[in-house]
C-alpha atoms as a PDB file:
ATOM      1  CA  MET A   1      17.267   9.915  -6.307  1.00  0.00           C
ATOM      2  CA  SER A   2      15.463  13.053  -5.234  1.00  0.00           C
ATOM      3  CA  THR A   3      12.919  15.228  -6.947  1.00  0.00           C
ATOM      4  CA  LEU A   4      12.633  18.869  -5.988  1.00  0.00           C
ATOM      5  CA  LYS A   5       9.974  21.432  -6.748  1.00  0.00           C
ATOM      6  CA  ALA A   6      12.150  24.463  -6.042  1.00  0.00           C
ATOM      7  CA  PRO A   7      14.023  26.532  -8.664  1.00  0.00           C
ATOM      8  CA  LYS A   8      17.766  26.167  -8.702  1.00  0.00           C
ATOM      9  CA  LEU A   9      19.490  28.505  -6.303  1.00  0.00           C
ATOM     10  CA  ALA A  10      22.897  30.095  -6.538  1.00  0.00           C
ATOM     11  CA  LYS A  11      24.908  29.741  -3.363  1.00  0.00           C
ATOM     12  CA  PRO A  12      24.662  33.149  -1.624  1.00  0.00           C
ATOM     13  CA  ALA A  13      28.065  34.725  -1.211  1.00  0.00           C
ATOM     14  CA  LYS A  14      27.579  35.783   2.370  1.00  0.00           C
ATOM     15  CA  PRO A  15      29.852  35.387   5.361  1.00  0.00           C
ATOM     16  CA  ALA A  16      28.909  33.194   8.267  1.00  0.00           C
ATOM     17  CA  GLY A  17      26.295  34.766  10.515  1.00  0.00           C
ATOM     18  CA  ALA A  18      24.920  37.017   7.774  1.00  0.00           C
ATOM     19  CA  ASN A  19      21.168  37.496   7.360  1.00  0.00           C
ATOM     20  CA  PRO A  20      19.541  34.548   5.575  1.00  0.00           C
ATOM     21  CA  PRO A  21      18.542  34.976   1.917  1.00  0.00           C
ATOM     22  CA  SER A  22      15.080  36.248   1.059  1.00  0.00           C
ATOM     23  CA  LEU A  23      14.073  32.885  -0.457  1.00  0.00           C
ATOM     24  CA  ASP A  24      12.220  30.415   1.699  1.00  0.00           C
ATOM     25  CA  PRO A  25      14.944  28.896   3.937  1.00  0.00           C
ATOM     26  CA  MET A  26      13.340  25.449   3.715  1.00  0.00           C
ATOM     27  CA  LEU A  27      13.548  25.495  -0.096  1.00  0.00           C
ATOM     28  CA  SER A  28      17.057  26.893   0.048  1.00  0.00           C
ATOM     29  CA  ALA A  29      18.209  24.194   2.488  1.00  0.00           C
ATOM     30  CA  ALA A  30      16.574  21.439   0.407  1.00  0.00           C
ATOM     31  CA  TRP A  31      18.241  22.542  -2.823  1.00  0.00           C
ATOM     32  CA  LEU A  32      21.659  23.119  -1.291  1.00  0.00           C
ATOM     33  CA  TYR A  33      21.585  19.711   0.427  1.00  0.00           C
ATOM     34  CA  TYR A  34      20.052  17.441  -2.229  1.00  0.00           C
ATOM     35  CA  GLN A  35      21.070  19.198  -5.432  1.00  0.00           C
ATOM     36  CA  ASP A  36      24.324  21.020  -4.607  1.00  0.00           C
ATOM     37  CA  GLU A  37      25.350  18.317  -2.083  1.00  0.00           C
ATOM     38  CA  LEU A  38      26.509  20.754   0.610  1.00  0.00           C
ATOM     39  CA  THR A  39      26.866  19.407   4.129  1.00  0.00           C
ATOM     40  CA  GLN A  40      24.390  20.452   6.812  1.00  0.00           C
ATOM     41  CA  SER A  41      27.113  22.506   8.469  1.00  0.00           C
ATOM     42  CA  ASP A  42      27.917  24.305   5.206  1.00  0.00           C
ATOM     43  CA  ILE A  43      24.212  25.088   4.672  1.00  0.00           C
ATOM     44  CA  ALA A  44      23.967  26.464   8.195  1.00  0.00           C
ATOM     45  CA  GLU A  45      26.866  28.785   7.394  1.00  0.00           C
ATOM     46  CA  VAL A  46      25.367  29.855   4.072  1.00  0.00           C
ATOM     47  CA  LEU A  47      21.926  30.571   5.557  1.00  0.00           C
ATOM     48  CA  GLY A  48      23.224  32.047   8.789  1.00  0.00           C
ATOM     49  CA  VAL A  49      21.271  29.617  10.951  1.00  0.00           C
ATOM     50  CA  SER A  50      22.092  26.746  13.306  1.00  0.00           C
ATOM     51  CA  ARG A  51      22.676  23.193  12.079  1.00  0.00           C
ATOM     52  CA  ALA A  52      19.589  22.125  14.065  1.00  0.00           C
ATOM     53  CA  SER A  53      17.522  24.563  11.989  1.00  0.00           C
ATOM     54  CA  VAL A  54      18.889  23.033   8.786  1.00  0.00           C
ATOM     55  CA  ILE A  55      17.896  19.557   9.983  1.00  0.00           C
ATOM     56  CA  ASN A  56      14.387  20.865  10.678  1.00  0.00           C
ATOM     57  CA  TYR A  57      14.188  22.462   7.236  1.00  0.00           C
ATOM     58  CA  LEU A  58      15.182  19.193   5.530  1.00  0.00           C
ATOM     59  CA  HIS A  59      12.679  17.221   7.577  1.00  0.00           C
ATOM     60  CA  GLU A  60       9.920  19.663   6.655  1.00  0.00           C
ATOM     61  CA  ALA A  61      10.882  19.438   2.985  1.00  0.00           C
ATOM     62  CA  ARG A  62      10.395  15.657   3.079  1.00  0.00           C
ATOM     63  CA  ARG A  63       7.163  15.906   5.074  1.00  0.00           C
ATOM     64  CA  THR A  64       5.523  18.432   2.738  1.00  0.00           C
ATOM     65  CA  GLY A  65       6.603  16.667  -0.473  1.00  0.00           C
ATOM     66  CA  VAL A  66       9.078  19.353  -1.621  1.00  0.00           C
ATOM     67  CA  VAL A  67      11.639  16.547  -1.650  1.00  0.00           C
ATOM     68  CA  LYS A  68      10.709  13.029  -2.723  1.00  0.00           C
ATOM     69  CA  ILE A  69      13.213  10.216  -2.257  1.00  0.00           C
ATOM     70  CA  THR A  70      12.904   7.342  -4.780  1.00  0.00           C
ATOM     71  CA  LEU A  71      14.667   4.019  -4.375  1.00  0.00           C
ATOM     72  CA  GLU A  72      14.967   1.739  -7.368  1.00  0.00           C
ATOM     73  CA  SER A  73      12.954  -1.256  -6.193  1.00  0.00           C
ATOM     74  CA  GLU A  74      14.665  -3.809  -8.447  1.00  0.00           C
ATOM     75  CA  HIS A  75      17.809  -3.490  -6.335  1.00  0.00           C
ATOM     76  CA  PHE A  76      15.883  -4.579  -3.261  1.00  0.00           C
ATOM     77  CA  THR A  77      14.499  -7.534  -5.169  1.00  0.00           C
ATOM     78  CA  ALA A  78      18.067  -8.794  -5.383  1.00  0.00           C
ATOM     79  CA  MET A  79      18.462  -9.006  -1.602  1.00  0.00           C
ATOM     80  CA  ARG A  80      19.086 -12.528  -0.361  1.00  0.00           C
ATOM     81  CA  LEU A  81      15.866 -12.831   1.702  1.00  0.00           C
ATOM     82  CA  ALA A  82      13.813 -11.591  -1.242  1.00  0.00           C
ATOM     83  CA  GLN A  83      15.459 -14.125  -3.560  1.00  0.00           C
ATOM     84  CA  GLN A  84      14.802 -16.914  -1.053  1.00  0.00           C
ATOM     85  CA  LEU A  85      11.140 -15.984  -0.764  1.00  0.00           C
ATOM     86  CA  CYS A  86      10.758 -15.862  -4.543  1.00  0.00           C
ATOM     87  CA  LYS A  87      12.224 -19.348  -4.803  1.00  0.00           C
ATOM     88  CA  ARG A  88      10.199 -20.829  -1.944  1.00  0.00           C
ATOM     89  CA  PHE A  89       6.816 -19.410  -2.941  1.00  0.00           C
ATOM     90  CA  GLY A  90       7.189 -19.054  -6.718  1.00  0.00           C
ATOM     91  CA  LEU A  91       6.962 -15.271  -6.691  1.00  0.00           C
ATOM     92  CA  GLN A  92       7.773 -13.187  -9.739  1.00  0.00           C
ATOM     93  CA  ARG A  93       9.190 -10.416  -7.601  1.00  0.00           C
ATOM     94  CA  CYS A  94       9.711  -9.695  -3.916  1.00  0.00           C
ATOM     95  CA  ILE A  95      10.890  -6.661  -1.960  1.00  0.00           C
ATOM     96  CA  VAL A  96      12.016  -6.952   1.645  1.00  0.00           C
ATOM     97  CA  ILE A  97      12.560  -3.698   3.554  1.00  0.00           C
ATOM     98  CA  PRO A  98      15.044  -3.728   6.466  1.00  0.00           C
ATOM     99  CA  ASP A  99      13.940  -3.675  10.107  1.00  0.00           C
ATOM    100  CA  ASP A 100      14.023  -0.190  11.638  1.00  0.00           C
ATOM    101  CA  GLN A 101      13.468  -1.349  15.250  1.00  0.00           C
ATOM    102  CA  GLY A 102      10.008   0.228  15.352  1.00  0.00           C
ATOM    103  CA  ARG A 103      11.134   3.796  14.680  1.00  0.00           C
ATOM    104  CA  ARG A 104       8.341   4.391  12.125  1.00  0.00           C
ATOM    105  CA  PRO A 105       4.902   2.777  11.732  1.00  0.00           C
ATOM    106  CA  ALA A 106       5.209  -0.525   9.882  1.00  0.00           C
ATOM    107  CA  ALA A 107       2.174   0.144   7.664  1.00  0.00           C
ATOM    108  CA  VAL A 108       3.665   3.453   6.518  1.00  0.00           C
ATOM    109  CA  ARG A 109       7.041   1.909   5.641  1.00  0.00           C
ATOM    110  CA  LEU A 110       5.415  -1.005   3.794  1.00  0.00           C
ATOM    111  CA  GLY A 111       3.093   1.382   1.988  1.00  0.00           C
ATOM    112  CA  GLU A 112       6.034   3.432   0.769  1.00  0.00           C
ATOM    113  CA  ALA A 113       7.785   0.323  -0.547  1.00  0.00           C
ATOM    114  CA  GLY A 114       4.560  -0.897  -2.136  1.00  0.00           C
ATOM    115  CA  ALA A 115       4.086   2.457  -3.818  1.00  0.00           C
ATOM    116  CA  GLN A 116       7.561   2.176  -5.361  1.00  0.00           C
ATOM    117  CA  LEU A 117       6.814  -1.276  -6.763  1.00  0.00           C
ATOM    118  CA  LEU A 118       3.345  -0.366  -8.000  1.00  0.00           C
ATOM    119  CA  SER A 119       4.723   2.696  -9.780  1.00  0.00           C
ATOM    120  CA  ASP A 120       7.285   0.461 -11.468  1.00  0.00           C
ATOM    121  CA  VAL A 121       4.831  -2.105 -12.796  1.00  0.00           C
ATOM    122  CA  VAL A 122       1.580  -0.247 -13.550  1.00  0.00           C
ATOM    123  CA  ALA A 123       1.267   0.458 -17.260  1.00  0.00           C
ATOM    124  CA  GLN A 124      -0.836   2.280 -19.832  1.00  0.00           C
ATOM    125  CA  GLY A 125      -4.269   0.701 -20.278  1.00  0.00           C
ATOM    126  CA  ASP A 126      -4.157  -1.341 -17.063  1.00  0.00           C
ATOM    127  CA  MET A 127      -7.273  -2.059 -15.001  1.00  0.00           C
ATOM    128  CA  LEU A 128      -5.887  -1.907 -11.458  1.00  0.00           C
ATOM    129  CA  GLY A 129      -7.956  -3.488  -8.710  1.00  0.00           C
ATOM    130  CA  VAL A 130      -7.564  -2.076  -5.201  1.00  0.00           C
ATOM    131  CA  SER A 131      -8.428  -3.662  -1.871  1.00  0.00           C
ATOM    132  CA  TRP A 132      -8.400  -1.786   1.443  1.00  0.00           C
ATOM    133  CA  GLY A 133      -6.686  -1.594   4.828  1.00  0.00           C
ATOM    134  CA  GLN A 134      -4.093   0.457   6.670  1.00  0.00           C
ATOM    135  CA  THR A 135      -1.165  -0.665   4.518  1.00  0.00           C
ATOM    136  CA  VAL A 136      -3.035  -0.140   1.255  1.00  0.00           C
ATOM    137  CA  LEU A 137      -4.041   3.326   2.432  1.00  0.00           C
ATOM    138  CA  ALA A 138      -0.410   4.130   3.287  1.00  0.00           C
ATOM    139  CA  LEU A 139       0.568   2.915  -0.189  1.00  0.00           C
ATOM    140  CA  SER A 140      -2.051   5.147  -1.777  1.00  0.00           C
ATOM    141  CA  LYS A 141      -0.639   8.192  -0.005  1.00  0.00           C
ATOM    142  CA  ALA A 142       2.989   7.404  -0.858  1.00  0.00           C
ATOM    143  CA  ILE A 143       2.651   7.275  -4.648  1.00  0.00           C
ATOM    144  CA  SER A 144       4.427  10.149  -6.337  1.00  0.00           C
ATOM    145  CA  PRO A 145       1.976  12.100  -8.535  1.00  0.00           C
ATOM    146  CA  GLN A 146       2.265  11.046 -12.178  1.00  0.00           C
ATOM    147  CA  ARG A 147       0.057  10.290 -15.152  1.00  0.00           C
ATOM    148  CA  ILE A 148      -0.495   6.818 -16.606  1.00  0.00           C
ATOM    149  CA  PRO A 149      -2.576   7.159 -19.830  1.00  0.00           C
ATOM    150  CA  GLY A 150      -5.592   4.905 -20.076  1.00  0.00           C
ATOM    151  CA  LEU A 151      -5.241   3.556 -16.527  1.00  0.00           C
ATOM    152  CA  SER A 152      -8.414   2.689 -14.603  1.00  0.00           C
ATOM    153  CA  VAL A 153      -8.421   2.050 -10.857  1.00  0.00           C
ATOM    154  CA  ILE A 154     -11.326   0.014  -9.510  1.00  0.00           C
ATOM    155  CA  GLN A 155     -12.571  -0.806  -6.026  1.00  0.00           C
ATOM    156  CA  ILE A 156     -12.768  -4.603  -5.685  1.00  0.00           C
ATOM    157  CA  THR A 157     -14.989  -4.785  -2.587  1.00  0.00           C
ATOM    158  CA  GLY A 158     -18.157  -2.985  -1.698  1.00  0.00           C
ATOM    159  CA  SER A 159     -18.185   0.137   0.409  1.00  0.00           C
ATOM    160  CA  MET A 160     -17.929   0.162   4.190  1.00  0.00           C
ATOM    161  CA  LEU A 161     -18.705   2.468   7.063  1.00  0.00           C
ATOM    162  CA  ALA A 162     -17.161   5.892   6.577  1.00  0.00           C
ATOM    163  CA  THR A 163     -16.120   6.058  10.220  1.00  0.00           C
ATOM    164  CA  PHE A 164     -12.619   4.731   9.665  1.00  0.00           C
ATOM    165  CA  ALA A 165      -9.781   6.044   7.565  1.00  0.00           C
ATOM    166  CA  PHE A 166      -8.829   3.035   5.448  1.00  0.00           C
ATOM    167  CA  SER A 167     -12.068   2.512   3.528  1.00  0.00           C
ATOM    168  CA  PRO A 168     -12.042   0.886   0.084  1.00  0.00           C
ATOM    169  CA  GLU A 169     -13.370   4.094  -1.473  1.00  0.00           C
ATOM    170  CA  LEU A 170     -10.555   6.222  -0.070  1.00  0.00           C
ATOM    171  CA  CYS A 171      -7.792   3.762  -1.003  1.00  0.00           C
ATOM    172  CA  THR A 172      -9.108   3.544  -4.558  1.00  0.00           C
ATOM    173  CA  SER A 173      -9.643   7.270  -5.075  1.00  0.00           C
ATOM    174  CA  ASN A 174      -6.198   8.125  -3.625  1.00  0.00           C
ATOM    175  CA  ILE A 175      -4.424   5.787  -6.027  1.00  0.00           C
ATOM    176  CA  ALA A 176      -6.467   6.986  -9.004  1.00  0.00           C
ATOM    177  CA  ASP A 177      -5.696  10.600  -8.116  1.00  0.00           C
ATOM    178  CA  ARG A 178      -1.933   9.986  -7.787  1.00  0.00           C
ATOM    179  CA  PHE A 179      -1.815   8.221 -11.167  1.00  0.00           C
ATOM    180  CA  GLY A 180      -4.148  10.656 -12.898  1.00  0.00           C
ATOM    181  CA  ALA A 181      -6.395   7.683 -13.663  1.00  0.00           C
ATOM    182  CA  ARG A 182     -10.096   6.969 -14.004  1.00  0.00           C
ATOM    183  CA  CYS A 183     -11.567   6.013 -10.634  1.00  0.00           C
ATOM    184  CA  ILE A 184     -14.297   3.388 -10.506  1.00  0.00           C
ATOM    185  CA  ASN A 185     -15.938   2.941  -7.092  1.00  0.00           C
ATOM    186  CA  LEU A 186     -18.210   0.029  -6.381  1.00  0.00           C
ATOM    187  CA  HIS A 187     -21.513   1.615  -5.387  1.00  0.00           C
ATOM    188  CA  ALA A 188     -22.805  -1.103  -3.089  1.00  0.00           C
ATOM    189  CA  PRO A 189     -22.206  -2.164   0.521  1.00  0.00           C
ATOM    190  CA  ALA A 190     -19.423  -4.631   1.204  1.00  0.00           C
ATOM    191  CA  LEU A 191     -21.731  -6.613   3.467  1.00  0.00           C
ATOM    192  CA  VAL A 192     -25.513  -6.630   3.358  1.00  0.00           C
ATOM    193  CA  SER A 193     -27.902  -7.988   5.975  1.00  0.00           C
ATOM    194  CA  ARG A 194     -29.263 -10.968   4.041  1.00  0.00           C
ATOM    195  CA  ALA A 195     -28.185 -13.197   1.205  1.00  0.00           C
ATOM    196  CA  GLU A 196     -31.382 -12.370  -0.735  1.00  0.00           C
ATOM    197  CA  ILE A 197     -30.373  -8.701  -0.811  1.00  0.00           C
ATOM    198  CA  ARG A 198     -26.969  -9.577  -2.226  1.00  0.00           C
ATOM    199  CA  ASP A 199     -28.604 -11.693  -4.926  1.00  0.00           C
ATOM    200  CA  LEU A 200     -30.914  -8.816  -5.860  1.00  0.00           C
ATOM    201  CA  LEU A 201     -28.017  -6.345  -6.036  1.00  0.00           C
ATOM    202  CA  TYR A 202     -26.129  -8.652  -8.370  1.00  0.00           C
ATOM    203  CA  GLN A 203     -29.149  -8.402 -10.693  1.00  0.00           C
ATOM    204  CA  GLU A 204     -29.435  -4.609 -10.414  1.00  0.00           C
ATOM    205  CA  PRO A 205     -28.876  -3.034 -13.884  1.00  0.00           C
ATOM    206  CA  ALA A 206     -27.089  -0.039 -12.383  1.00  0.00           C
ATOM    207  CA  LEU A 207     -24.577  -2.310 -10.618  1.00  0.00           C
ATOM    208  CA  ILE A 208     -24.051  -5.037 -13.196  1.00  0.00           C
ATOM    209  CA  PRO A 209     -21.567  -3.013 -15.348  1.00  0.00           C
ATOM    210  CA  GLN A 210     -19.402  -2.287 -12.317  1.00  0.00           C
ATOM    211  CA  LEU A 211     -19.404  -5.936 -11.260  1.00  0.00           C
ATOM    212  CA  GLN A 212     -18.470  -6.946 -14.817  1.00  0.00           C
ATOM    213  CA  LEU A 213     -15.542  -4.508 -14.783  1.00  0.00           C
ATOM    214  CA  LEU A 214     -14.148  -6.319 -11.740  1.00  0.00           C
ATOM    215  CA  GLN A 215     -13.554  -9.342 -13.949  1.00  0.00           C
ATOM    216  CA  THR A 216     -11.332  -7.331 -16.296  1.00  0.00           C
ATOM    217  CA  CYS A 217      -8.605  -6.388 -13.762  1.00  0.00           C
ATOM    218  CA  THR A 218      -5.093  -6.910 -15.085  1.00  0.00           C
ATOM    219  CA  LYS A 219      -3.346  -6.078 -11.809  1.00  0.00           C
ATOM    220  CA  ILE A 220      -4.435  -5.929  -8.169  1.00  0.00           C
ATOM    221  CA  VAL A 221      -2.921  -4.636  -4.947  1.00  0.00           C
ATOM    222  CA  PHE A 222      -4.037  -5.887  -1.541  1.00  0.00           C
ATOM    223  CA  GLY A 223      -2.971  -6.530   2.040  1.00  0.00           C
ATOM    224  CA  VAL A 224      -3.307  -9.643   4.168  1.00  0.00           C
ATOM    225  CA  GLY A 225      -5.022  -9.653   7.548  1.00  0.00           C
ATOM    226  CA  HIS A 226      -4.851 -12.041  10.476  1.00  0.00           C
ATOM    227  CA  LEU A 227      -7.834 -12.902  12.679  1.00  0.00           C
ATOM    228  CA  ASP A 228      -6.639 -11.753  16.099  1.00  0.00           C
ATOM    229  CA  GLN A 229      -8.703  -9.180  17.992  1.00  0.00           C
ATOM    230  CA  ASP A 230      -6.268  -6.356  17.122  1.00  0.00           C
ATOM    231  CA  SER A 231      -6.561  -7.000  13.360  1.00  0.00           C
ATOM    232  CA  THR A 232      -7.858  -4.528  10.788  1.00  0.00           C
ATOM    233  CA  ILE A 233     -10.878  -6.730  10.051  1.00  0.00           C
ATOM    234  CA  PHE A 234     -12.188  -6.017  13.555  1.00  0.00           C
ATOM    235  CA  GLY A 235     -10.995  -2.407  13.533  1.00  0.00           C
ATOM    236  CA  SER A 236     -13.076  -1.753  10.410  1.00  0.00           C
ATOM    237  CA  GLY A 237     -16.290  -2.424  12.303  1.00  0.00           C
ATOM    238  CA  THR A 238     -17.475  -4.677   9.473  1.00  0.00           C
ATOM    239  CA  VAL A 239     -17.558  -7.904  11.494  1.00  0.00           C
ATOM    240  CA  VAL A 240     -17.603  -9.015  15.123  1.00  0.00           C
ATOM    241  CA  THR A 241     -16.104 -12.096  16.755  1.00  0.00           C
ATOM    242  CA  GLU A 242     -19.321 -14.090  16.378  1.00  0.00           C
ATOM    243  CA  ASP A 243     -19.256 -13.533  12.598  1.00  0.00           C
ATOM    244  CA  LEU A 244     -15.824 -15.108  12.296  1.00  0.00           C
ATOM    245  CA  GLN A 245     -16.401 -18.141  14.520  1.00  0.00           C
ATOM    246  CA  PRO A 246     -17.679 -20.392  11.695  1.00  0.00           C
ATOM    247  CA  TYR A 247     -14.542 -19.546   9.714  1.00  0.00           C
ATOM    248  CA  ILE A 248     -12.161 -20.061  12.623  1.00  0.00           C
ATOM    249  CA  THR A 249     -13.838 -23.395  13.379  1.00  0.00           C
ATOM    250  CA  GLN A 250     -12.983 -24.464   9.824  1.00  0.00           C
ATOM    251  CA  GLY A 251      -9.336 -23.442  10.269  1.00  0.00           C
ATOM    252  CA  ALA A 252      -9.257 -19.924   8.827  1.00  0.00           C
ATOM    253  CA  VAL A 253      -6.038 -18.045   9.606  1.00  0.00           C
ATOM    254  CA  GLY A 254      -6.156 -15.024   7.299  1.00  0.00           C
ATOM    255  CA  VAL A 255      -8.235 -12.754   5.117  1.00  0.00           C
ATOM    256  CA  ILE A 256      -7.774 -10.992   1.776  1.00  0.00           C
ATOM    257  CA  ALA A 257     -10.382  -8.429   0.681  1.00  0.00           C
ATOM    258  CA  GLY A 258     -12.913  -9.901   3.122  1.00  0.00           C
ATOM    259  CA  ARG A 259     -12.347 -13.471   1.920  1.00  0.00           C
ATOM    260  CA  TYR A 260     -11.003 -16.046   4.386  1.00  0.00           C
ATOM    261  CA  PHE A 261      -8.502 -18.881   3.897  1.00  0.00           C
ATOM    262  CA  ASP A 262      -6.898 -21.648   5.911  1.00  0.00           C
ATOM    263  CA  SER A 263      -3.242 -22.466   6.674  1.00  0.00           C
ATOM    264  CA  ALA A 264      -2.839 -24.001   3.213  1.00  0.00           C
ATOM    265  CA  GLY A 265      -4.271 -20.905   1.548  1.00  0.00           C
ATOM    266  CA  LYS A 266      -7.511 -22.661   0.551  1.00  0.00           C
ATOM    267  CA  PRO A 267     -10.704 -20.578   0.680  1.00  0.00           C
ATOM    268  CA  VAL A 268     -12.885 -21.061   3.765  1.00  0.00           C
ATOM    269  CA  HIS A 269     -16.541 -20.380   3.119  1.00  0.00           C
ATOM    270  CA  GLY A 270     -19.141 -19.283   5.637  1.00  0.00           C
ATOM    271  CA  PRO A 271     -22.260 -17.179   6.210  1.00  0.00           C
ATOM    272  CA  LEU A 272     -20.515 -13.870   5.434  1.00  0.00           C
ATOM    273  CA  ASP A 273     -19.702 -14.929   1.887  1.00  0.00           C
ATOM    274  CA  GLU A 274     -23.396 -15.168   1.071  1.00  0.00           C
ATOM    275  CA  ARG A 275     -23.841 -11.491   2.071  1.00  0.00           C
ATOM    276  CA  MET A 276     -20.615 -10.042   0.649  1.00  0.00           C
ATOM    277  CA  ILE A 277     -20.236  -7.998  -2.518  1.00  0.00           C
ATOM    278  CA  GLY A 278     -16.863  -8.026  -4.244  1.00  0.00           C
ATOM    279  CA  LEU A 279     -14.289 -10.332  -5.756  1.00  0.00           C
ATOM    280  CA  THR A 280     -13.882 -13.826  -4.353  1.00  0.00           C
ATOM    281  CA  LEU A 281     -10.478 -15.420  -3.823  1.00  0.00           C
ATOM    282  CA  ALA A 282     -10.992 -17.588  -6.890  1.00  0.00           C
ATOM    283  CA  GLU A 283     -11.650 -14.447  -8.948  1.00  0.00           C
ATOM    284  CA  ILE A 284      -8.666 -12.651  -7.462  1.00  0.00           C
ATOM    285  CA  ASP A 285      -6.447 -15.601  -8.413  1.00  0.00           C
ATOM    286  CA  LYS A 286      -7.409 -15.144 -12.086  1.00  0.00           C
ATOM    287  CA  ILE A 287      -5.859 -11.634 -12.177  1.00  0.00           C
ATOM    288  CA  PRO A 288      -2.466 -11.889 -13.914  1.00  0.00           C
ATOM    289  CA  MET A 289      -0.451  -9.690 -11.516  1.00  0.00           C
ATOM    290  CA  ARG A 290      -1.318  -9.826  -7.814  1.00  0.00           C
ATOM    291  CA  ILE A 291       0.710  -7.521  -5.519  1.00  0.00           C
ATOM    292  CA  CYS A 292       0.538  -8.336  -1.829  1.00  0.00           C
ATOM    293  CA  VAL A 293       1.805  -5.729   0.645  1.00  0.00           C
ATOM    294  CA  ALA A 294       1.969  -7.020   4.215  1.00  0.00           C
ATOM    295  CA  GLY A 295       4.492  -7.466   7.019  1.00  0.00           C
ATOM    296  CA  GLY A 296       5.175  -7.889  10.707  1.00  0.00           C
ATOM    297  CA  ALA A 297       5.828 -11.049  12.689  1.00  0.00           C
ATOM    298  CA  ALA A 298       2.188 -11.237  13.821  1.00  0.00           C
ATOM    299  CA  LYS A 299       0.993 -11.530  10.230  1.00  0.00           C
ATOM    300  CA  ALA A 300       3.550 -14.174   9.237  1.00  0.00           C
ATOM    301  CA  PRO A 301       1.210 -17.200   9.611  1.00  0.00           C
ATOM    302  CA  ALA A 302      -1.536 -15.524   7.552  1.00  0.00           C
ATOM    303  CA  LEU A 303       0.985 -14.273   5.010  1.00  0.00           C
ATOM    304  CA  ARG A 304       2.559 -17.712   4.707  1.00  0.00           C
ATOM    305  CA  ALA A 305      -0.848 -19.242   4.065  1.00  0.00           C
ATOM    306  CA  ALA A 306      -1.634 -16.624   1.427  1.00  0.00           C
ATOM    307  CA  LEU A 307       1.664 -17.362  -0.353  1.00  0.00           C
ATOM    308  CA  GLN A 308       1.170 -21.117  -0.125  1.00  0.00           C
ATOM    309  CA  GLY A 309      -2.238 -20.646  -1.723  1.00  0.00           C
ATOM    310  CA  GLN A 310      -0.508 -18.704  -4.504  1.00  0.00           C
ATOM    311  CA  HIS A 311      -2.817 -15.733  -4.066  1.00  0.00           C
ATOM    312  CA  ALA A 312       0.088 -13.338  -4.740  1.00  0.00           C
ATOM    313  CA  THR A 313       2.542 -13.139  -7.626  1.00  0.00           C
ATOM    314  CA  MET A 314       4.548 -10.279  -6.063  1.00  0.00           C
ATOM    315  CA  LEU A 315       5.254  -9.475  -2.445  1.00  0.00           C
ATOM    316  CA  VAL A 316       6.310  -6.412  -0.498  1.00  0.00           C
ATOM    317  CA  THR A 317       7.143  -7.270   3.100  1.00  0.00           C
ATOM    318  CA  ASP A 318       9.532  -6.432   5.932  1.00  0.00           C
ATOM    319  CA  GLU A 319      12.495  -8.225   7.400  1.00  0.00           C
ATOM    320  CA  LEU A 320      10.594  -9.523  10.456  1.00  0.00           C
ATOM    321  CA  ALA A 321       7.955 -11.244   8.370  1.00  0.00           C
ATOM    322  CA  ALA A 322      10.479 -12.474   5.785  1.00  0.00           C
ATOM    323  CA  ARG A 323      12.635 -14.147   8.413  1.00  0.00           C
ATOM    324  CA  ALA A 324       9.592 -15.728  10.011  1.00  0.00           C
ATOM    325  CA  LEU A 325       8.483 -17.052   6.621  1.00  0.00           C
ATOM    326  CA  MET A 326      11.904 -18.533   5.899  1.00  0.00           C
ATOM    327  CA  ASP A 327      12.325 -19.980   9.399  1.00  0.00           C
ATOM    328  CA  ALA A 328       9.064 -21.827   9.040  1.00  0.00           C
END
């Protein structure tokens, strides 16, 4: 369904080619198309413009948020691939979006689907934990503004360098803003230089209440990363190849919120864990509802491992990853 911010317009009684109405033509085109269900050709005639102009108006209305398209996510849960994934991995719910042959960025499309699911399941009084990454950031931007009373949104990992766009702070604050919720940022680095510093921070009175709040999360949303050189974990600037070698040597194939796991989904521990501030995999697994948003064929091995380790109770993915998961 569509949601419009424009007032309802009466169809101008003007002949073809007449001067367009004084109202904003983009708003007029959006209302006539989505609300009055006129064809693009009819709208062009009403507004006295070309059909190409109408198409541009409608695109601009979507881009600026004048028009918001909402798909009922439960229908997509009923798709055969989604049902098969639920059965294979014991998921409570799964959404598989169709392949678009690379026409739009995968992270954006997955984020939009994840935003639909999150909006469906988040409830009054929830404590929603938020990880970070390109897909989580896309999700945070795609949520339709609304208000969930008593909702708190909390950052589950420490802060990172502000030189990249998908920081934990930004993902958390975006989601909190869209839901009209309380935002709780974790005021500590994600990775410190020495284990002793981490231990001291965990004893810091100003930080202890925030760390305790992490243990109260009722829902969490996160992405899954792989360990290839083009992965988000390297793009974040947080770690370098040498940092990951002890994990790769032990069989690590994927990462969730900075925590590594092997092909069976079991945690892989290494030197980084002793310097990291945030939830561990074991702590994440205690959260009742765990929403994983990840896709793409390249991520399929890491995603499969995460599902085998039962780190997610709900999944939003794409057709390429879903088929790879089922083929395996």
